[in-house]
Amino acid sequence: MGAWDYGPFDNDGAWDCVGALAENDPAKVAEQLRAAMAEVLDNDEYIENPEAQGAVAAAVLIANRLGAPAENERIAEILETRAFEATEELRSLALRTLDRLRDPEINEWHYLWLDAGSLEKVLELLAPYREVLARPKA
């Protein structure tokens, strides 16, 4: 049975993404986060839910690095052991990722949450991370 809940790290796709992040290689972690978000941003075809979940996790980790509180101790530990610099490029990609997933067109993540009657709840949980990402870097 897979993991499932409303939070950005409460599903298998998110943990597949997070679990694959390199330790002690900030450049590789940044590239892995970029690649996870590219699964959504560079996809003109149907966006599958597991890829969307991974992209959400990547975007939220970037928001965490920019000051959003970690959801729990496990995420705080991930942030400690998977160092990366939250560059302006990553911030912008993360914001675009969260915005792209709000688009119902060819987007399984959006459809599944809408169909379950939980889209607003999930978007509300993502709102604080999106706020941090929307702030220009000082």
N, C-alpha and C. Protein backbone atom coordinates (compact mmCIF):
# COMPACT_ATOMS: atom_id res chain seq x y z
N MET A 1 0.84 -1.17 0.00
CA MET A 1 0.00 0.00 0.00
C MET A 1 0.89 1.24 0.00
N GLY A 2 0.57 2.20 -0.82
CA GLY A 2 1.37 3.40 -0.94
C GLY A 2 1.00 4.45 0.08
N ALA A 3 1.88 5.45 0.17
CA ALA A 3 1.64 6.58 1.05
C ALA A 3 0.68 7.55 0.36
N TRP A 4 -0.26 8.09 1.13
CA TRP A 4 -1.22 9.03 0.58
C TRP A 4 -1.76 9.91 1.68
N ASP A 5 -1.68 11.21 1.45
CA ASP A 5 -2.33 12.20 2.31
C ASP A 5 -2.22 13.53 1.60
N TYR A 6 -2.63 14.60 2.24
CA TYR A 6 -2.76 15.90 1.59
C TYR A 6 -1.47 16.70 1.50
N GLY A 7 -0.54 16.50 2.40
CA GLY A 7 0.67 17.31 2.45
C GLY A 7 1.61 17.04 1.29
N PRO A 8 2.55 17.95 1.05
CA PRO A 8 3.44 17.83 -0.10
C PRO A 8 4.39 16.63 -0.04
N PHE A 9 4.59 16.05 1.14
CA PHE A 9 5.47 14.89 1.27
C PHE A 9 4.71 13.65 1.73
N ASP A 10 3.42 13.67 1.58
CA ASP A 10 2.58 12.58 2.09
C ASP A 10 2.19 11.57 1.01
N ASN A 11 3.08 11.36 0.05
CA ASN A 11 2.75 10.43 -1.03
C ASN A 11 4.03 9.80 -1.59
N ASP A 12 3.84 8.73 -2.31
CA ASP A 12 4.98 7.97 -2.84
C ASP A 12 5.81 8.76 -3.85
N GLY A 13 5.17 9.51 -4.72
CA GLY A 13 5.91 10.27 -5.72
C GLY A 13 6.87 11.26 -5.09
N ALA A 14 6.42 11.91 -4.02
CA ALA A 14 7.28 12.86 -3.32
C ALA A 14 8.48 12.15 -2.70
N TRP A 15 8.23 11.01 -2.04
CA TRP A 15 9.33 10.31 -1.38
C TRP A 15 10.26 9.64 -2.37
N ASP A 16 9.75 9.26 -3.54
CA ASP A 16 10.65 8.75 -4.58
C ASP A 16 11.63 9.85 -4.99
N CYS A 17 11.13 11.06 -5.14
CA CYS A 17 11.97 12.20 -5.51
C CYS A 17 12.97 12.52 -4.40
N VAL A 18 12.47 12.68 -3.19
CA VAL A 18 13.32 13.06 -2.05
C VAL A 18 14.34 11.97 -1.74
N GLY A 19 13.92 10.73 -1.80
CA GLY A 19 14.82 9.63 -1.48
C GLY A 19 15.96 9.47 -2.47
N ALA A 20 15.78 9.96 -3.68
CA ALA A 20 16.81 9.85 -4.71
C ALA A 20 17.83 10.99 -4.65
N LEU A 21 17.61 11.99 -3.82
CA LEU A 21 18.53 13.13 -3.77
C LEU A 21 19.89 12.71 -3.22
N ALA A 22 20.93 13.19 -3.87
CA ALA A 22 22.30 12.86 -3.50
C ALA A 22 22.67 13.52 -2.17
N GLU A 23 23.47 12.83 -1.39
CA GLU A 23 24.00 13.42 -0.16
C GLU A 23 25.37 14.00 -0.46
N ASN A 24 25.67 15.11 0.19
CA ASN A 24 27.00 15.73 0.13
C ASN A 24 27.42 16.16 -1.28
N ASP A 25 26.47 16.49 -2.14
CA ASP A 25 26.79 16.97 -3.47
C ASP A 25 25.76 18.04 -3.86
N PRO A 26 25.94 19.28 -3.39
CA PRO A 26 24.96 20.33 -3.63
C PRO A 26 24.62 20.56 -5.10
N ALA A 27 25.60 20.47 -5.98
CA ALA A 27 25.34 20.68 -7.41
C ALA A 27 24.43 19.58 -7.95
N LYS A 28 24.67 18.35 -7.52
CA LYS A 28 23.84 17.23 -7.98
C LYS A 28 22.42 17.34 -7.43
N VAL A 29 22.28 17.74 -6.17
CA VAL A 29 20.95 17.91 -5.58
C VAL A 29 20.18 18.97 -6.36
N ALA A 30 20.84 20.09 -6.64
CA ALA A 30 20.17 21.15 -7.41
C ALA A 30 19.73 20.64 -8.77
N GLU A 31 20.57 19.86 -9.43
CA GLU A 31 20.21 19.30 -10.74
C GLU A 31 19.05 18.32 -10.61
N GLN A 32 19.04 17.52 -9.57
CA GLN A 32 17.94 16.56 -9.36
C GLN A 32 16.62 17.30 -9.10
N LEU A 33 16.66 18.37 -8.32
CA LEU A 33 15.45 19.16 -8.08
C LEU A 33 14.97 19.80 -9.39
N ARG A 34 15.91 20.34 -10.15
CA ARG A 34 15.59 20.93 -11.45
C ARG A 34 14.94 19.89 -12.37
N ALA A 35 15.50 18.69 -12.40
CA ALA A 35 14.96 17.63 -13.26
C ALA A 35 13.56 17.21 -12.82
N ALA A 36 13.31 17.14 -11.52
CA ALA A 36 11.98 16.77 -11.02
C ALA A 36 10.94 17.80 -11.47
N MET A 37 11.29 19.06 -11.39
CA MET A 37 10.36 20.11 -11.81
C MET A 37 10.20 20.15 -13.32
N ALA A 38 11.25 19.78 -14.05
CA ALA A 38 11.17 19.73 -15.52
C ALA A 38 10.14 18.70 -15.97
N GLU A 39 9.91 17.67 -15.16
CA GLU A 39 8.89 16.67 -15.49
C GLU A 39 7.52 17.31 -15.67
N VAL A 40 7.30 18.42 -15.00
CA VAL A 40 6.05 19.16 -15.11
C VAL A 40 6.18 20.31 -16.10
N LEU A 41 7.24 21.08 -15.97
CA LEU A 41 7.37 22.30 -16.76
C LEU A 41 7.67 22.07 -18.23
N ASP A 42 8.40 21.03 -18.54
CA ASP A 42 8.78 20.77 -19.93
C ASP A 42 7.87 19.76 -20.60
N ASN A 43 6.78 19.43 -19.96
CA ASN A 43 5.89 18.39 -20.46
C ASN A 43 4.65 19.02 -21.09
N ASP A 44 4.52 18.87 -22.39
CA ASP A 44 3.33 19.35 -23.09
C ASP A 44 2.28 18.26 -23.20
N GLU A 45 2.64 17.07 -22.78
CA GLU A 45 1.72 15.93 -22.81
C GLU A 45 1.04 15.80 -21.44
N TYR A 46 0.40 14.70 -21.20
CA TYR A 46 -0.30 14.46 -19.95
C TYR A 46 0.69 14.35 -18.79
N ILE A 47 0.49 15.10 -17.75
CA ILE A 47 1.36 15.06 -16.57
C ILE A 47 0.82 14.01 -15.61
N GLU A 48 1.57 12.94 -15.44
CA GLU A 48 1.16 11.85 -14.55
C GLU A 48 1.30 12.29 -13.09
N ASN A 49 0.47 11.73 -12.23
CA ASN A 49 0.46 12.09 -10.82
C ASN A 49 1.80 11.85 -10.11
N PRO A 50 2.48 10.71 -10.26
CA PRO A 50 3.75 10.53 -9.53
C PRO A 50 4.80 11.58 -9.88
N GLU A 51 4.88 11.96 -11.14
CA GLU A 51 5.83 13.00 -11.53
C GLU A 51 5.44 14.35 -10.93
N ALA A 52 4.14 14.62 -10.92
CA ALA A 52 3.66 15.86 -10.32
C ALA A 52 3.97 15.89 -8.82
N GLN A 53 3.78 14.76 -8.15
CA GLN A 53 4.07 14.68 -6.71
C GLN A 53 5.55 14.96 -6.45
N GLY A 54 6.42 14.40 -7.26
CA GLY A 54 7.85 14.65 -7.11
C GLY A 54 8.19 16.11 -7.36
N ALA A 55 7.56 16.71 -8.35
CA ALA A 55 7.80 18.12 -8.65
C ALA A 55 7.34 19.02 -7.51
N VAL A 56 6.21 18.68 -6.91
CA VAL A 56 5.72 19.43 -5.74
C VAL A 56 6.74 19.33 -4.60
N ALA A 57 7.22 18.13 -4.34
CA ALA A 57 8.21 17.96 -3.26
C ALA A 57 9.46 18.78 -3.54
N ALA A 58 9.94 18.78 -4.78
CA ALA A 58 11.12 19.56 -5.13
C ALA A 58 10.87 21.04 -4.90
N ALA A 59 9.72 21.52 -5.34
CA ALA A 59 9.39 22.95 -5.18
C ALA A 59 9.30 23.32 -3.70
N VAL A 60 8.71 22.45 -2.90
CA VAL A 60 8.57 22.74 -1.47
C VAL A 60 9.93 22.71 -0.77
N LEU A 61 10.81 21.81 -1.15
CA LEU A 61 12.17 21.81 -0.57
C LEU A 61 12.88 23.12 -0.87
N ILE A 62 12.69 23.64 -2.04
CA ILE A 62 13.31 24.92 -2.39
C ILE A 62 12.70 26.03 -1.53
N ALA A 63 11.38 26.00 -1.35
CA ALA A 63 10.74 26.98 -0.47
C ALA A 63 11.27 26.85 0.95
N ASN A 64 11.48 25.61 1.41
CA ASN A 64 12.06 25.40 2.74
C ASN A 64 13.44 26.04 2.84
N ARG A 65 14.25 25.84 1.82
CA ARG A 65 15.60 26.40 1.83
C ARG A 65 15.55 27.93 1.85
N LEU A 66 14.47 28.50 1.30
CA LEU A 66 14.31 29.95 1.27
C LEU A 66 13.62 30.51 2.51
N GLY A 67 13.33 29.63 3.49
CA GLY A 67 12.80 30.13 4.75
C GLY A 67 11.45 29.58 5.18
N ALA A 68 10.75 28.88 4.32
CA ALA A 68 9.48 28.27 4.75
C ALA A 68 9.81 27.17 5.76
N PRO A 69 9.03 27.06 6.83
CA PRO A 69 9.33 26.04 7.82
C PRO A 69 9.19 24.63 7.26
N ALA A 70 10.08 23.76 7.69
CA ALA A 70 10.00 22.35 7.29
C ALA A 70 8.75 21.74 7.92
N GLU A 71 8.11 20.89 7.16
CA GLU A 71 6.85 20.27 7.60
C GLU A 71 7.01 19.42 8.85
N ASN A 72 8.17 18.76 8.97
CA ASN A 72 8.41 17.90 10.12
C ASN A 72 9.92 17.66 10.26
N GLU A 73 10.29 16.89 11.28
CA GLU A 73 11.72 16.64 11.53
C GLU A 73 12.38 15.88 10.40
N ARG A 74 11.64 15.00 9.76
CA ARG A 74 12.22 14.22 8.65
C ARG A 74 12.62 15.14 7.50
N ILE A 75 11.78 16.12 7.19
CA ILE A 75 12.11 17.08 6.13
C ILE A 75 13.28 17.96 6.57
N ALA A 76 13.31 18.36 7.82
CA ALA A 76 14.44 19.15 8.33
C ALA A 76 15.74 18.36 8.18
N GLU A 77 15.70 17.07 8.46
CA GLU A 77 16.88 16.22 8.31
C GLU A 77 17.30 16.12 6.84
N ILE A 78 16.33 15.98 5.95
CA ILE A 78 16.63 15.93 4.51
C ILE A 78 17.33 17.22 4.10
N LEU A 79 16.84 18.34 4.57
CA LEU A 79 17.44 19.63 4.22
C LEU A 79 18.86 19.76 4.75
N GLU A 80 19.14 19.14 5.90
CA GLU A 80 20.49 19.16 6.45
C GLU A 80 21.45 18.27 5.67
N THR A 81 20.98 17.12 5.24
CA THR A 81 21.86 16.14 4.61
C THR A 81 21.92 16.28 3.08
N ARG A 82 21.02 17.04 2.51
CA ARG A 82 21.01 17.27 1.06
C ARG A 82 21.14 18.77 0.81
N ALA A 83 22.33 19.25 0.99
CA ALA A 83 22.59 20.68 0.84
C ALA A 83 22.44 21.09 -0.62
N PHE A 84 21.93 22.29 -0.83
CA PHE A 84 21.88 22.91 -2.16
C PHE A 84 21.60 24.38 -1.95
N GLU A 85 21.99 25.17 -2.92
CA GLU A 85 21.72 26.60 -2.87
C GLU A 85 20.42 26.87 -3.60
N ALA A 86 19.52 27.57 -2.96
CA ALA A 86 18.25 27.94 -3.59
C ALA A 86 18.48 29.19 -4.44
N THR A 87 18.98 28.97 -5.62
CA THR A 87 19.28 30.06 -6.54
C THR A 87 17.99 30.71 -7.04
N GLU A 88 18.16 31.86 -7.66
CA GLU A 88 17.02 32.53 -8.27
C GLU A 88 16.38 31.64 -9.34
N GLU A 89 17.19 30.92 -10.09
CA GLU A 89 16.66 30.01 -11.10
C GLU A 89 15.78 28.94 -10.47
N LEU A 90 16.25 28.31 -9.39
CA LEU A 90 15.46 27.26 -8.72
C LEU A 90 14.18 27.84 -8.11
N ARG A 91 14.29 29.03 -7.52
CA ARG A 91 13.10 29.67 -6.96
C ARG A 91 12.05 29.89 -8.05
N SER A 92 12.49 30.40 -9.17
CA SER A 92 11.58 30.67 -10.28
C SER A 92 10.96 29.38 -10.82
N LEU A 93 11.77 28.35 -10.98
CA LEU A 93 11.25 27.06 -11.45
C LEU A 93 10.24 26.48 -10.47
N ALA A 94 10.53 26.59 -9.18
CA ALA A 94 9.62 26.06 -8.16
C ALA A 94 8.28 26.79 -8.19
N LEU A 95 8.32 28.10 -8.31
CA LEU A 95 7.08 28.87 -8.38
C LEU A 95 6.29 28.50 -9.63
N ARG A 96 6.96 28.40 -10.76
CA ARG A 96 6.30 28.01 -12.01
C ARG A 96 5.72 26.61 -11.91
N THR A 97 6.40 25.72 -11.21
CA THR A 97 5.91 24.35 -11.04
C THR A 97 4.59 24.34 -10.27
N LEU A 98 4.56 25.02 -9.14
CA LEU A 98 3.32 25.05 -8.35
C LEU A 98 2.19 25.71 -9.14
N ASP A 99 2.50 26.74 -9.90
CA ASP A 99 1.48 27.39 -10.71
C ASP A 99 1.01 26.49 -11.85
N ARG A 100 1.93 25.77 -12.48
CA ARG A 100 1.56 24.88 -13.60
C ARG A 100 0.62 23.78 -13.13
N LEU A 101 0.81 23.29 -11.93
CA LEU A 101 -0.04 22.21 -11.44
C LEU A 101 -1.45 22.68 -11.08
N ARG A 102 -1.64 23.97 -10.98
CA ARG A 102 -2.99 24.51 -10.74
C ARG A 102 -3.83 24.46 -12.02
N ASP A 103 -3.16 24.30 -13.16
CA ASP A 103 -3.82 24.26 -14.46
C ASP A 103 -4.44 22.88 -14.67
N PRO A 104 -5.75 22.80 -14.87
CA PRO A 104 -6.39 21.49 -14.99
C PRO A 104 -6.10 20.77 -16.31
N GLU A 105 -5.58 21.45 -17.30
CA GLU A 105 -5.34 20.83 -18.60
C GLU A 105 -4.26 19.75 -18.50
N ILE A 106 -4.56 18.59 -19.03
CA ILE A 106 -3.65 17.43 -19.10
C ILE A 106 -2.81 17.25 -17.83
N ASN A 107 -3.47 17.19 -16.71
CA ASN A 107 -2.79 17.20 -15.42
C ASN A 107 -3.50 16.24 -14.46
N GLU A 108 -2.97 15.05 -14.30
CA GLU A 108 -3.59 14.04 -13.45
C GLU A 108 -3.62 14.47 -11.98
N TRP A 109 -2.54 15.12 -11.50
CA TRP A 109 -2.48 15.57 -10.12
C TRP A 109 -3.68 16.46 -9.82
N HIS A 110 -3.91 17.45 -10.65
CA HIS A 110 -5.02 18.38 -10.47
C HIS A 110 -6.36 17.64 -10.53
N TYR A 111 -6.50 16.79 -11.53
CA TYR A 111 -7.75 16.06 -11.71
C TYR A 111 -8.07 15.16 -10.51
N LEU A 112 -7.08 14.44 -10.02
CA LEU A 112 -7.33 13.52 -8.91
C LEU A 112 -7.75 14.27 -7.64
N TRP A 113 -7.08 15.40 -7.35
CA TRP A 113 -7.47 16.16 -6.17
C TRP A 113 -8.85 16.78 -6.36
N LEU A 114 -9.14 17.26 -7.55
CA LEU A 114 -10.46 17.84 -7.83
C LEU A 114 -11.53 16.76 -7.71
N ASP A 115 -11.28 15.61 -8.29
CA ASP A 115 -12.24 14.51 -8.26
C ASP A 115 -12.51 14.03 -6.82
N ALA A 116 -11.50 14.11 -5.98
CA ALA A 116 -11.65 13.70 -4.58
C ALA A 116 -12.30 14.79 -3.72
N GLY A 117 -12.54 15.95 -4.32
CA GLY A 117 -13.11 17.07 -3.56
C GLY A 117 -12.12 17.72 -2.63
N SER A 118 -10.83 17.56 -2.92
CA SER A 118 -9.79 18.04 -2.00
C SER A 118 -8.81 19.03 -2.62
N LEU A 119 -9.08 19.48 -3.84
CA LEU A 119 -8.13 20.37 -4.50
C LEU A 119 -7.89 21.64 -3.68
N GLU A 120 -8.95 22.26 -3.20
CA GLU A 120 -8.79 23.50 -2.42
C GLU A 120 -7.97 23.27 -1.16
N LYS A 121 -8.18 22.14 -0.50
CA LYS A 121 -7.42 21.82 0.71
C LYS A 121 -5.93 21.68 0.39
N VAL A 122 -5.62 20.98 -0.68
CA VAL A 122 -4.22 20.78 -1.06
C VAL A 122 -3.58 22.11 -1.47
N LEU A 123 -4.29 22.91 -2.23
CA LEU A 123 -3.75 24.21 -2.63
C LEU A 123 -3.55 25.12 -1.41
N GLU A 124 -4.43 25.00 -0.43
CA GLU A 124 -4.29 25.77 0.80
C GLU A 124 -3.03 25.35 1.56
N LEU A 125 -2.74 24.04 1.58
CA LEU A 125 -1.53 23.56 2.24
C LEU A 125 -0.27 24.01 1.51
N LEU A 126 -0.35 24.17 0.20
CA LEU A 126 0.80 24.62 -0.59
C LEU A 126 0.97 26.14 -0.57
N ALA A 127 -0.06 26.87 -0.20
CA ALA A 127 -0.04 28.34 -0.27
C ALA A 127 1.14 28.98 0.49
N PRO A 128 1.47 28.55 1.71
CA PRO A 128 2.60 29.18 2.40
C PRO A 128 3.93 29.00 1.65
N TYR A 129 4.10 27.85 1.02
CA TYR A 129 5.33 27.60 0.25
C TYR A 129 5.35 28.48 -0.98
N ARG A 130 4.20 28.60 -1.63
CA ARG A 130 4.11 29.44 -2.82
C ARG A 130 4.40 30.90 -2.46
N GLU A 131 3.91 31.35 -1.30
CA GLU A 131 4.17 32.72 -0.85
C GLU A 131 5.66 32.97 -0.71
N VAL A 132 6.38 32.04 -0.10
CA VAL A 132 7.82 32.19 0.05
C VAL A 132 8.49 32.23 -1.32
N LEU A 133 8.07 31.37 -2.22
CA LEU A 133 8.67 31.33 -3.56
C LEU A 133 8.35 32.58 -4.37
N ALA A 134 7.19 33.20 -4.11
CA ALA A 134 6.79 34.39 -4.86
C ALA A 134 7.54 35.64 -4.44
N ARG A 135 8.15 35.60 -3.26
CA ARG A 135 8.94 36.75 -2.81
C ARG A 135 10.25 36.81 -3.56
N PRO A 136 10.56 37.98 -4.12
CA PRO A 136 11.87 38.09 -4.79
C PRO A 136 12.98 37.90 -3.77
N LYS A 137 14.04 37.26 -4.20
CA LYS A 137 15.19 37.02 -3.32
C LYS A 137 15.81 38.36 -2.94
N ALA A 138 16.05 38.54 -1.67
CA ALA A 138 16.61 39.81 -1.18
C ALA A 138 18.05 39.98 -1.51
